[in-house]
Amino acid sequence: MYQSYSVKNHLAEFSRWSKISRDVMFNACLQKFSQDETCRKTLFRTHGMTLVEASPTDKLWGIGLDKNDKRSEDERTWRGTNWLGETLDKVREELWKKEDFRKEREQIEKESLETRCQLLEHFPL
């Protein structure tokens, strides 16, 4: 009896969390990147790019593939939904439009794509 209740309760909690988790993550990321200039500039350097959570074990927030897997290069072959990448893309675009960050945006717009990619490669994760 307890096990049955526990499973049902877990499924109900998971269902509730699934309905709000993307909004919760969006708001958390929006706060983080609004407050942390280094992280925000790094996010801004990805402007015009699609962000991907290349996690072979996460098919919900990630693409279900490792970054070294050739299939990760083609969205049609992803095994996951990439909710984290989509969320970060939305956060970036919202912050990109804010007047408060105009100077940062203008600075990054002056950087070449090559420079931006080099800086992103050396950003510690």
Foldseek 3Di string as FASTA:
>chain_A
DVVVVVVVVVVVVVVVCVVCVLVVLLVVVLVVLVPDVVVLLLLLLCVVHQDADADLVDQELGQNHHPPDPLVVDSVSGNHDNSVRVSSNVSNVVVLPDPVCVVSNVVSVPDDNVVSVVVNVPDDD
